């Protein structure tokens, strides 16, 4: 079983920055593709970013490209989401996700990830 715990959410004004962390249990973290998703009230879960197991490849949703970065520290079993130039539309619960089932070309679909954290709230005021 893999446990994911997000932290770093909070309240920030538009234009500000936050850094989310996701600490992951498990001895094979370095083999997991990791992703971040978000869900605002009344909306579907939206892909934000993903990073390959090695960290060499990263992917971003169109709405966050150029503003968010994703990184990982395999020695610490942790993945990060650096969020800059935040907008009110970024307000959502942010979820960390892990895929432990090997390679898939689909990195943006929630169904491709088999472990999820409990989420952390990010609120951006205008």
Foldseek 3Di string as FASTA:
>chain_A
DKAKAKDWADEEAAQAKIKMKIAMDDDPLLQKKKFKWWDDPPDDIWGAKIAHSPRPDIDGDPVQPPFWDKGDDVVRNMIMIIGGRDDQVVWTWMKMFIANPDDDPDPTDPVNTDDIYPTDTHGYHD
